[in-house]
């Protein structure tokens, strides 16, 4: 186990991580281009996809609104509930 940890914390480990990241990004770009070349489907399929997209965007808008309110409440609670007032609430 110590051998693995020492390898991953060395320069070779950093290069391995960067190499795997680059390969992953190249694969993602390949998949993206392959998907974009595929047929969008029939007119009815495109219509249904539009409905799904509208619903997904409405969901995300509501979710982000709730998440913003939650984050605001937590920031206020941290500001008033922790001795180091400003730094903790802002860093959150």
PDB file of N, CA and C in Angstrom:
ATOM      1  N   UNK A   1       0.823  -1.190   0.000  1.00  0.00           N
ATOM      2  CA  UNK A   1       0.000   0.000   0.000  1.00  0.00           C
ATOM      3  C   UNK A   1       0.866   1.253   0.000  1.00  0.00           C
ATOM      4  N   UNK A   2       1.960   1.226   0.777  1.00  0.00           N
ATOM      5  CA  UNK A   2       2.858   2.379   0.827  1.00  0.00           C
ATOM      6  C   UNK A   2       3.490   2.637  -0.530  1.00  0.00           C
ATOM      7  N   UNK A   3       3.752   1.575  -1.279  1.00  0.00           N
ATOM      8  CA  UNK A   3       4.339   1.725  -2.610  1.00  0.00           C
ATOM      9  C   UNK A   3       3.380   2.464  -3.543  1.00  0.00           C
ATOM     10  N   UNK A   4       2.110   2.137  -3.472  1.00  0.00           N
ATOM     11  CA  UNK A   4       1.102   2.794  -4.318  1.00  0.00           C
ATOM     12  C   UNK A   4       0.972   4.261  -3.938  1.00  0.00           C
ATOM     13  N   UNK A   5       0.913   4.538  -2.646  1.00  0.00           N
ATOM     14  CA  UNK A   5       0.775   5.923  -2.181  1.00  0.00           C
ATOM     15  C   UNK A   5       1.993   6.744  -2.586  1.00  0.00           C
ATOM     16  N   UNK A   6       3.191   6.190  -2.417  1.00  0.00           N
ATOM     17  CA  UNK A   6       4.399   6.938  -2.785  1.00  0.00           C
ATOM     18  C   UNK A   6       4.460   7.169  -4.290  1.00  0.00           C
ATOM     19  N   UNK A   7       3.988   6.217  -5.090  1.00  0.00           N
ATOM     20  CA  UNK A   7       3.975   6.404  -6.546  1.00  0.00           C
ATOM     21  C   UNK A   7       2.983   7.486  -6.946  1.00  0.00           C
ATOM     22  N   UNK A   8       1.786   7.446  -6.362  1.00  0.00           N
ATOM     23  CA  UNK A   8       0.756   8.410  -6.742  1.00  0.00           C
ATOM     24  C   UNK A   8       1.074   9.822  -6.269  1.00  0.00           C
ATOM     25  N   UNK A   9       1.873   9.963  -5.225  1.00  0.00           N
ATOM     26  CA  UNK A   9       2.236  11.296  -4.753  1.00  0.00           C
ATOM     27  C   UNK A   9       3.510  11.815  -5.403  1.00  0.00           C
ATOM     28  N   UNK A  10       4.142  11.022  -6.233  1.00  0.00           N
ATOM     29  CA  UNK A  10       5.359  11.465  -6.920  1.00  0.00           C
ATOM     30  C   UNK A  10       4.997  12.181  -8.219  1.00  0.00           C
ATOM     31  N   UNK A  11       6.032  12.654  -8.919  1.00  0.00           N
ATOM     32  CA  UNK A  11       5.815  13.315 -10.210  1.00  0.00           C
ATOM     33  C   UNK A  11       5.227  12.346 -11.234  1.00  0.00           C
ATOM     34  N   UNK A  12       5.602  11.080 -11.148  1.00  0.00           N
ATOM     35  CA  UNK A  12       5.049  10.084 -12.070  1.00  0.00           C
ATOM     36  C   UNK A  12       3.546   9.930 -11.870  1.00  0.00           C
ATOM     37  N   UNK A  13       3.112   9.991 -10.634  1.00  0.00           N
ATOM     38  CA  UNK A  13       1.679   9.901 -10.345  1.00  0.00           C
ATOM     39  C   UNK A  13       0.918  11.077 -10.910  1.00  0.00           C
ATOM     40  N   UNK A  14       1.512  12.264 -10.817  1.00  0.00           N
ATOM     41  CA  UNK A  14       0.870  13.457 -11.386  1.00  0.00           C
ATOM     42  C   UNK A  14       0.777  13.332 -12.902  1.00  0.00           C
ATOM     43  N   UNK A  15       1.837  12.864 -13.521  1.00  0.00           N
ATOM     44  CA  UNK A  15       1.820  12.692 -14.979  1.00  0.00           C
ATOM     45  C   UNK A  15       0.808  11.622 -15.390  1.00  0.00           C
ATOM     46  N   UNK A  16       0.686  10.579 -14.598  1.00  0.00           N
ATOM     47  CA  UNK A  16      -0.310   9.548 -14.874  1.00  0.00           C
ATOM     48  C   UNK A  16      -1.707  10.143 -14.822  1.00  0.00           C
ATOM     49  N   UNK A  17      -1.981  10.949 -13.817  1.00  0.00           N
ATOM     50  CA  UNK A  17      -3.289  11.596 -13.701  1.00  0.00           C
ATOM     51  C   UNK A  17      -3.570  12.520 -14.867  1.00  0.00           C
ATOM     52  N   UNK A  18      -2.584  13.307 -15.265  1.00  0.00           N
ATOM     53  CA  UNK A  18      -2.758  14.210 -16.405  1.00  0.00           C
ATOM     54  C   UNK A  18      -2.977  13.412 -17.680  1.00  0.00           C
ATOM     55  N   UNK A  19      -2.209  12.341 -17.868  1.00  0.00           N
ATOM     56  CA  UNK A  19      -2.364  11.512 -19.066  1.00  0.00           C
ATOM     57  C   UNK A  19      -3.739  10.873 -19.154  1.00  0.00           C
ATOM     58  N   UNK A  20      -4.218  10.337 -18.054  1.00  0.00           N
ATOM     59  CA  UNK A  20      -5.549   9.731 -18.038  1.00  0.00           C
ATOM     60  C   UNK A  20      -6.612  10.784 -18.303  1.00  0.00           C
ATOM     61  N   UNK A  21      -6.423  11.988 -17.769  1.00  0.00           N
ATOM     62  CA  UNK A  21      -7.385  13.073 -18.010  1.00  0.00           C
ATOM     63  C   UNK A  21      -7.435  13.453 -19.479  1.00  0.00           C
ATOM     64  N   UNK A  22      -6.279  13.555 -20.114  1.00  0.00           N
ATOM     65  CA  UNK A  22      -6.235  13.908 -21.538  1.00  0.00           C
ATOM     66  C   UNK A  22      -6.901  12.820 -22.374  1.00  0.00           C
ATOM     67  N   UNK A  23      -6.610  11.564 -22.076  1.00  0.00           N
ATOM     68  CA  UNK A  23      -7.236  10.459 -22.812  1.00  0.00           C
ATOM     69  C   UNK A  23      -8.749  10.486 -22.620  1.00  0.00           C
ATOM     70  N   UNK A  24      -9.202  10.756 -21.412  1.00  0.00           N
ATOM     71  CA  UNK A  24     -10.643  10.823 -21.143  1.00  0.00           C
ATOM     72  C   UNK A  24     -11.303  11.952 -21.918  1.00  0.00           C
ATOM     73  N   UNK A  25     -10.658  13.110 -21.980  1.00  0.00           N
ATOM     74  CA  UNK A  25     -11.213  14.231 -22.745  1.00  0.00           C
ATOM     75  C   UNK A  25     -11.268  13.917 -24.234  1.00  0.00           C
ATOM     76  N   UNK A  26     -10.225  13.290 -24.758  1.00  0.00           N
ATOM     77  CA  UNK A  26     -10.233  12.908 -26.174  1.00  0.00           C
ATOM     78  C   UNK A  26     -11.366  11.930 -26.466  1.00  0.00           C
ATOM     79  N   UNK A  27     -11.583  10.982 -25.580  1.00  0.00           N
ATOM     80  CA  UNK A  27     -12.669  10.025 -25.760  1.00  0.00           C
ATOM     81  C   UNK A  27     -14.023  10.726 -25.692  1.00  0.00           C
ATOM     82  N   UNK A  28     -14.159  11.688 -24.790  1.00  0.00           N
ATOM     83  CA  UNK A  28     -15.416  12.442 -24.688  1.00  0.00           C
ATOM     84  C   UNK A  28     -15.673  13.235 -25.964  1.00  0.00           C
ATOM     85  N   UNK A  29     -14.639  13.862 -26.534  1.00  0.00           N
ATOM     86  CA  UNK A  29     -14.809  14.592 -27.790  1.00  0.00           C
ATOM     87  C   UNK A  29     -15.182  13.651 -28.931  1.00  0.00           C
ATOM     88  N   UNK A  30     -14.571  12.459 -28.947  1.00  0.00           N
ATOM     89  CA  UNK A  30     -14.914  11.466 -29.967  1.00  0.00           C
ATOM     90  C   UNK A  30     -16.381  11.066 -29.843  1.00  0.00           C
ATOM     91  N   UNK A  31     -16.829  10.758 -28.632  1.00  0.00           N
ATOM     92  CA  UNK A  31     -18.227  10.369 -28.434  1.00  0.00           C
ATOM     93  C   UNK A  31     -19.179  11.501 -28.806  1.00  0.00           C
ATOM     94  N   UNK A  32     -18.817  12.727 -28.479  1.00  0.00           N
ATOM     95  CA  UNK A  32     -19.649  13.874 -28.812  1.00  0.00           C
ATOM     96  C   UNK A  32     -19.802  14.012 -30.327  1.00  0.00           C
ATOM     97  N   UNK A  33     -18.704  13.878 -31.049  1.00  0.00           N
ATOM     98  CA  UNK A  33     -18.796  14.000 -32.510  1.00  0.00           C
ATOM     99  C   UNK A  33     -19.585  12.842 -33.105  1.00  0.00           C
ATOM    100  N   UNK A  34     -19.454  11.649 -32.545  1.00  0.00           N
ATOM    101  CA  UNK A  34     -20.201  10.502 -33.054  1.00  0.00           C
ATOM    102  C   UNK A  34     -21.696  10.694 -32.827  1.00  0.00           C
ATOM    103  N   UNK A  35     -22.061  11.181 -31.655  1.00  0.00           N
ATOM    104  CA  UNK A  35     -23.475  11.392 -31.339  1.00  0.00           C
ATOM    105  C   UNK A  35     -24.068  12.463 -32.238  1.00  0.00           C
ATOM    106  N   UNK A  36     -23.313  13.533 -32.495  1.00  0.00           N
ATOM    107  CA  UNK A  36     -23.829  14.611 -33.342  1.00  0.00           C
ATOM    108  C   UNK A  36     -24.045  14.161 -34.783  1.00  0.00           C
ATOM    109  N   UNK A  37     -23.344  13.111 -35.216  1.00  0.00           N
ATOM    110  CA  UNK A  37     -23.512  12.594 -36.575  1.00  0.00           C
ATOM    111  C   UNK A  37     -24.752  11.709 -36.715  1.00  0.00           C
ATOM    112  N   UNK A  38     -25.320  11.268 -35.610  1.00  0.00           N
ATOM    113  CA  UNK A  38     -26.472  10.378 -35.651  1.00  0.00           C
ATOM    114  C   UNK A  38     -27.720  11.134 -36.084  1.00  0.00           C
ATOM    115  N   UNK A  39     -28.661  10.402 -36.646  1.00  0.00           N
ATOM    116  CA  UNK A  39     -29.922  10.986 -37.093  1.00  0.00           C
ATOM    117  C   UNK A  39     -30.730  11.471 -35.884  1.00  0.00           C
ATOM    118  N   UNK A  40     -31.338  12.665 -35.985  1.00  0.00           N
ATOM    119  CA  UNK A  40     -32.147  13.153 -34.867  1.00  0.00           C
ATOM    120  C   UNK A  40     -33.468  12.413 -34.722  1.00  0.00           C
ATOM    121  N   UNK A  41     -33.818  11.585 -35.664  1.00  0.00           N
ATOM    122  CA  UNK A  41     -35.050  10.806 -35.578  1.00  0.00           C
ATOM    123  C   UNK A  41     -36.173  11.424 -36.385  1.00  0.00           C
ATOM    124  N   UNK A  42     -37.327  10.841 -36.239  1.00  0.00           N
ATOM    125  CA  UNK A  42     -38.490  11.325 -36.981  1.00  0.00           C
ATOM    126  C   UNK A  42     -38.970  12.648 -36.394  1.00  0.00           C
ATOM    127  N   UNK A  43     -39.911  13.267 -37.092  1.00  0.00           N
ATOM    128  CA  UNK A  43     -40.455  14.540 -36.624  1.00  0.00           C
ATOM    129  C   UNK A  43     -41.131  14.374 -35.259  1.00  0.00           C
ATOM    130  N   UNK A  44     -41.835  13.279 -35.080  1.00  0.00           N
ATOM    131  CA  UNK A  44     -42.516  13.018 -33.803  1.00  0.00           C
ATOM    132  C   UNK A  44     -41.493  12.829 -32.668  1.00  0.00           C
ATOM    133  N   UNK A  45     -40.400  12.133 -32.970  1.00  0.00           N
ATOM    134  CA  UNK A  45     -39.353  11.939 -31.964  1.00  0.00           C
ATOM    135  C   UNK A  45     -38.726  13.270 -31.569  1.00  0.00           C
ATOM    136  N   UNK A  46     -38.513  14.146 -32.533  1.00  0.00           N
ATOM    137  CA  UNK A  46     -37.946  15.461 -32.250  1.00  0.00           C
ATOM    138  C   UNK A  46     -38.915  16.301 -31.420  1.00  0.00           C
ATOM    139  N   UNK A  47     -40.208  16.168 -31.713  1.00  0.00           N
ATOM    140  CA  UNK A  47     -41.219  16.892 -30.944  1.00  0.00           C
ATOM    141  C   UNK A  47     -41.213  16.427 -29.485  1.00  0.00           C
ATOM    142  N   UNK A  48     -41.170  15.109 -29.291  1.00  0.00           N
ATOM    143  CA  UNK A  48     -41.127  14.565 -27.931  1.00  0.00           C
ATOM    144  C   UNK A  48     -39.844  14.980 -27.208  1.00  0.00           C
ATOM    145  N   UNK A  49     -38.741  14.997 -27.942  1.00  0.00           N
ATOM    146  CA  UNK A  49     -37.474  15.427 -27.339  1.00  0.00           C
ATOM    147  C   UNK A  49     -37.565  16.880 -26.885  1.00  0.00           C
ATOM    148  N   UNK A  50     -38.262  17.697 -27.648  1.00  0.00           N
ATOM    149  CA  UNK A  50     -38.466  19.091 -27.253  1.00  0.00           C
ATOM    150  C   UNK A  50     -39.264  19.199 -25.969  1.00  0.00           C
ATOM    151  N   UNK A  51     -40.297  18.361 -25.836  1.00  0.00           N
ATOM    152  CA  UNK A  51     -41.093  18.359 -24.602  1.00  0.00           C
ATOM    153  C   UNK A  51     -40.246  17.930 -23.402  1.00  0.00           C
ATOM    154  N   UNK A  52     -39.428  16.911 -23.612  1.00  0.00           N
ATOM    155  CA  UNK A  52     -38.552  16.437 -22.535  1.00  0.00           C
ATOM    156  C   UNK A  52     -37.575  17.542 -22.144  1.00  0.00           C
ATOM    157  N   UNK A  53     -37.029  18.226 -23.145  1.00  0.00           N
ATOM    158  CA  UNK A  53     -36.077  19.300 -22.856  1.00  0.00           C
ATOM    159  C   UNK A  53     -36.746  20.438 -22.088  1.00  0.00           C
ATOM    160  N   UNK A  54     -37.961  20.799 -22.464  1.00  0.00           N
ATOM    161  CA  UNK A  54     -38.685  21.852 -21.744  1.00  0.00           C
ATOM    162  C   UNK A  54     -38.918  21.455 -20.286  1.00  0.00           C
ATOM    163  N   UNK A  55     -39.333  20.219 -20.078  1.00  0.00           N
ATOM    164  CA  UNK A  55     -39.560  19.739 -18.713  1.00  0.00           C
ATOM    165  C   UNK A  55     -38.280  19.717 -17.895  1.00  0.00           C
ATOM    166  N   UNK A  56     -37.192  19.287 -18.525  1.00  0.00           N
ATOM    167  CA  UNK A  56     -35.912  19.237 -17.815  1.00  0.00           C
ATOM    168  C   UNK A  56     -35.447  20.634 -17.428  1.00  0.00           C
ATOM    169  N   UNK A  57     -35.612  21.590 -18.319  1.00  0.00           N
ATOM    170  CA  UNK A  57     -35.194  22.957 -18.016  1.00  0.00           C
ATOM    171  C   UNK A  57     -36.057  23.567 -16.908  1.00  0.00           C
ATOM    172  N   UNK A  58     -37.352  23.267 -16.912  1.00  0.00           N
ATOM    173  CA  UNK A  58     -38.229  23.761 -15.843  1.00  0.00           C
ATOM    174  C   UNK A  58     -37.810  23.159 -14.502  1.00  0.00           C
ATOM    175  N   UNK A  59     -37.488  21.873 -14.509  1.00  0.00           N
ATOM    176  CA  UNK A  59     -37.026  21.216 -13.286  1.00  0.00           C
ATOM    177  C   UNK A  59     -35.737  21.850 -12.781  1.00  0.00           C
ATOM    178  N   UNK A  60     -34.766  22.059 -13.676  1.00  0.00           N
ATOM    179  CA  UNK A  60     -33.491  22.635 -13.266  1.00  0.00           C
ATOM    180  C   UNK A  60     -33.656  24.048 -12.726  1.00  0.00           C
ATOM    181  N   UNK A  61     -34.533  24.826 -13.353  1.00  0.00           N
ATOM    182  CA  UNK A  61     -34.769  26.190 -12.879  1.00  0.00           C
ATOM    183  C   UNK A  61     -35.299  26.164 -11.448  1.00  0.00           C
ATOM    184  N   UNK A  62     -36.258  25.288 -11.185  1.00  0.00           N
ATOM    185  CA  UNK A  62     -36.822  25.166  -9.839  1.00  0.00           C
ATOM    186  C   UNK A  62     -35.776  24.640  -8.859  1.00  0.00           C
ATOM    187  N   UNK A  63     -35.002  23.660  -9.293  1.00  0.00           N
ATOM    188  CA  UNK A  63     -33.989  23.078  -8.411  1.00  0.00           C
ATOM    189  C   UNK A  63     -32.931  24.113  -8.034  1.00  0.00           C
ATOM    190  N   UNK A  64     -32.465  24.887  -8.995  1.00  0.00           N
ATOM    191  CA  UNK A  64     -31.453  25.900  -8.697  1.00  0.00           C
ATOM    192  C   UNK A  64     -32.009  27.004  -7.805  1.00  0.00           C
ATOM    193  N   UNK A  65     -33.272  27.315  -7.964  1.00  0.00           N
ATOM    194  CA  UNK A  65     -33.902  28.315  -7.096  1.00  0.00           C
ATOM    195  C   UNK A  65     -33.909  27.801  -5.651  1.00  0.00           C
ATOM    196  N   UNK A  66     -34.301  26.544  -5.461  1.00  0.00           N
ATOM    197  CA  UNK A  66     -34.323  25.960  -4.117  1.00  0.00           C
ATOM    198  C   UNK A  66     -32.908  25.845  -3.550  1.00  0.00           C
ATOM    199  N   UNK A  67     -31.964  25.449  -4.379  1.00  0.00           N
ATOM    200  CA  UNK A  67     -30.581  25.325  -3.931  1.00  0.00           C
ATOM    201  C   UNK A  67     -30.027  26.679  -3.512  1.00  0.00           C
ATOM    202  N   UNK A  68     -30.372  27.723  -4.258  1.00  0.00           N
ATOM    203  CA  UNK A  68     -29.932  29.069  -3.896  1.00  0.00           C
ATOM    204  C   UNK A  68     -30.495  29.504  -2.559  1.00  0.00           C
ATOM    205  N   UNK A  69     -31.773  29.209  -2.332  1.00  0.00           N
ATOM    206  CA  UNK A  69     -32.378  29.563  -1.043  1.00  0.00           C
ATOM    207  C   UNK A  69     -31.723  28.784   0.094  1.00  0.00           C
ATOM    208  N   UNK A  70     -31.456  27.501  -0.128  1.00  0.00           N
ATOM    209  CA  UNK A  70     -30.801  26.679   0.887  1.00  0.00           C
ATOM    210  C   UNK A  70     -29.403  27.210   1.195  1.00  0.00           C
ATOM    211  N   UNK A  71     -28.636  27.517   0.151  1.00  0.00           N
ATOM    212  CA  UNK A  71     -27.279  28.031   0.362  1.00  0.00           C
ATOM    213  C   UNK A  71     -27.319  29.370   1.089  1.00  0.00           C
ATOM    214  N   UNK A  72     -28.292  30.203   0.758  1.00  0.00           N
ATOM    215  CA  UNK A  72     -28.433  31.480   1.459  1.00  0.00           C
ATOM    216  C   UNK A  72     -28.743  31.286   2.932  1.00  0.00           C
ATOM    217  N   UNK A  73     -29.643  30.361   3.233  1.00  0.00           N
ATOM    218  CA  UNK A  73     -29.992  30.079   4.635  1.00  0.00           C
ATOM    219  C   UNK A  73     -28.791  29.540   5.403  1.00  0.00           C
ATOM    220  N   UNK A  74     -28.031  28.648   4.782  1.00  0.00           N
ATOM    221  CA  UNK A  74     -26.849  28.096   5.452  1.00  0.00           C
ATOM    222  C   UNK A  74     -25.805  29.187   5.671  1.00  0.00           C
ATOM    223  N   UNK A  75     -25.614  30.057   4.675  1.00  0.00           N
ATOM    224  CA  UNK A  75     -24.646  31.148   4.831  1.00  0.00           C
ATOM    225  C   UNK A  75     -25.056  32.078   5.967  1.00  0.00           C
ATOM    226  N   UNK A  76     -26.338  32.383   6.061  1.00  0.00           N
ATOM    227  CA  UNK A  76     -26.824  33.241   7.155  1.00  0.00           C
ATOM    228  C   UNK A  76     -26.637  32.539   8.496  1.00  0.00           C
ATOM    229  N   UNK A  77     -26.952  31.243   8.542  1.00  0.00           N
ATOM    230  CA  UNK A  77     -26.770  30.486   9.784  1.00  0.00           C
ATOM    231  C   UNK A  77     -25.299  30.444  10.179  1.00  0.00           C
ATOM    232  N   UNK A  78     -24.407  30.277   9.216  1.00  0.00           N
ATOM    233  CA  UNK A  78     -22.981  30.275   9.525  1.00  0.00           C
ATOM    234  C   UNK A  78     -22.512  31.652   9.990  1.00  0.00           C
ATOM    235  N   UNK A  79     -23.040  32.678   9.375  1.00  0.00           N
ATOM    236  CA  UNK A  79     -22.624  34.035   9.739  1.00  0.00           C
ATOM    237  C   UNK A  79     -22.995  34.356  11.184  1.00  0.00           C
ATOM    238  N   UNK A  80     -24.203  33.974  11.569  1.00  0.00           N
ATOM    239  CA  UNK A  80     -24.654  34.296  12.921  1.00  0.00           C
ATOM    240  C   UNK A  80     -24.313  33.212  13.943  1.00  0.00           C
ATOM    241  N   UNK A  81     -23.975  32.016  13.497  1.00  0.00           N
ATOM    242  CA  UNK A  81     -23.769  30.914  14.424  1.00  0.00           C
ATOM    243  C   UNK A  81     -22.324  30.556  14.689  1.00  0.00           C
ATOM    244  N   UNK A  82     -21.392  31.160  13.974  1.00  0.00           N
ATOM    245  CA  UNK A  82     -19.979  30.821  14.135  1.00  0.00           C
ATOM    246  C   UNK A  82     -19.232  32.069  14.587  1.00  0.00           C
ATOM    247  N   UNK A  83     -18.219  31.888  15.419  1.00  0.00           N
ATOM    248  CA  UNK A  83     -17.490  33.042  15.946  1.00  0.00           C
ATOM    249  C   UNK A  83     -16.767  33.827  14.859  1.00  0.00           C
ATOM    250  N   UNK A  84     -16.107  33.142  13.930  1.00  0.00           N
ATOM    251  CA  UNK A  84     -15.387  33.813  12.842  1.00  0.00           C
ATOM    252  C   UNK A  84     -16.394  34.132  11.750  1.00  0.00           C
ATOM    253  N   UNK A  85     -17.158  35.162  11.940  1.00  0.00           N
ATOM    254  CA  UNK A  85     -18.376  35.421  11.177  1.00  0.00           C
ATOM    255  C   UNK A  85     -18.176  35.487   9.668  1.00  0.00           C
ATOM    256  N   UNK A  86     -17.448  36.441   9.173  1.00  0.00           N
ATOM    257  CA  UNK A  86     -17.403  36.688   7.741  1.00  0.00           C
ATOM    258  C   UNK A  86     -16.728  35.600   6.932  1.00  0.00           C
ATOM    259  N   UNK A  87     -15.575  35.143   7.394  1.00  0.00           N
ATOM    260  CA  UNK A  87     -14.787  34.211   6.599  1.00  0.00           C
ATOM    261  C   UNK A  87     -15.503  32.888   6.374  1.00  0.00           C
ATOM    262  N   UNK A  88     -16.126  32.350   7.392  1.00  0.00           N
ATOM    263  CA  UNK A  88     -16.799  31.060   7.255  1.00  0.00           C
ATOM    264  C   UNK A  88     -18.003  31.156   6.336  1.00  0.00           C
ATOM    265  N   UNK A  89     -18.819  32.175   6.496  1.00  0.00           N
ATOM    266  CA  UNK A  89     -20.014  32.311   5.670  1.00  0.00           C
ATOM    267  C   UNK A  89     -19.650  32.564   4.220  1.00  0.00           C
ATOM    268  N   UNK A  90     -18.625  33.376   3.972  1.00  0.00           N
ATOM    269  CA  UNK A  90     -18.224  33.673   2.593  1.00  0.00           C
ATOM    270  C   UNK A  90     -17.569  32.458   1.954  1.00  0.00           C
ATOM    271  N   UNK A  91     -16.741  31.741   2.708  1.00  0.00           N
ATOM    272  CA  UNK A  91     -16.065  30.576   2.133  1.00  0.00           C
ATOM    273  C   UNK A  91     -17.043  29.461   1.798  1.00  0.00           C
ATOM    274  N   UNK A  92     -18.175  29.429   2.492  1.00  0.00           N
ATOM    275  CA  UNK A  92     -19.183  28.430   2.176  1.00  0.00           C
ATOM    276  C   UNK A  92     -19.751  28.742   0.817  1.00  0.00           C
TER     277      UNK A  92
END
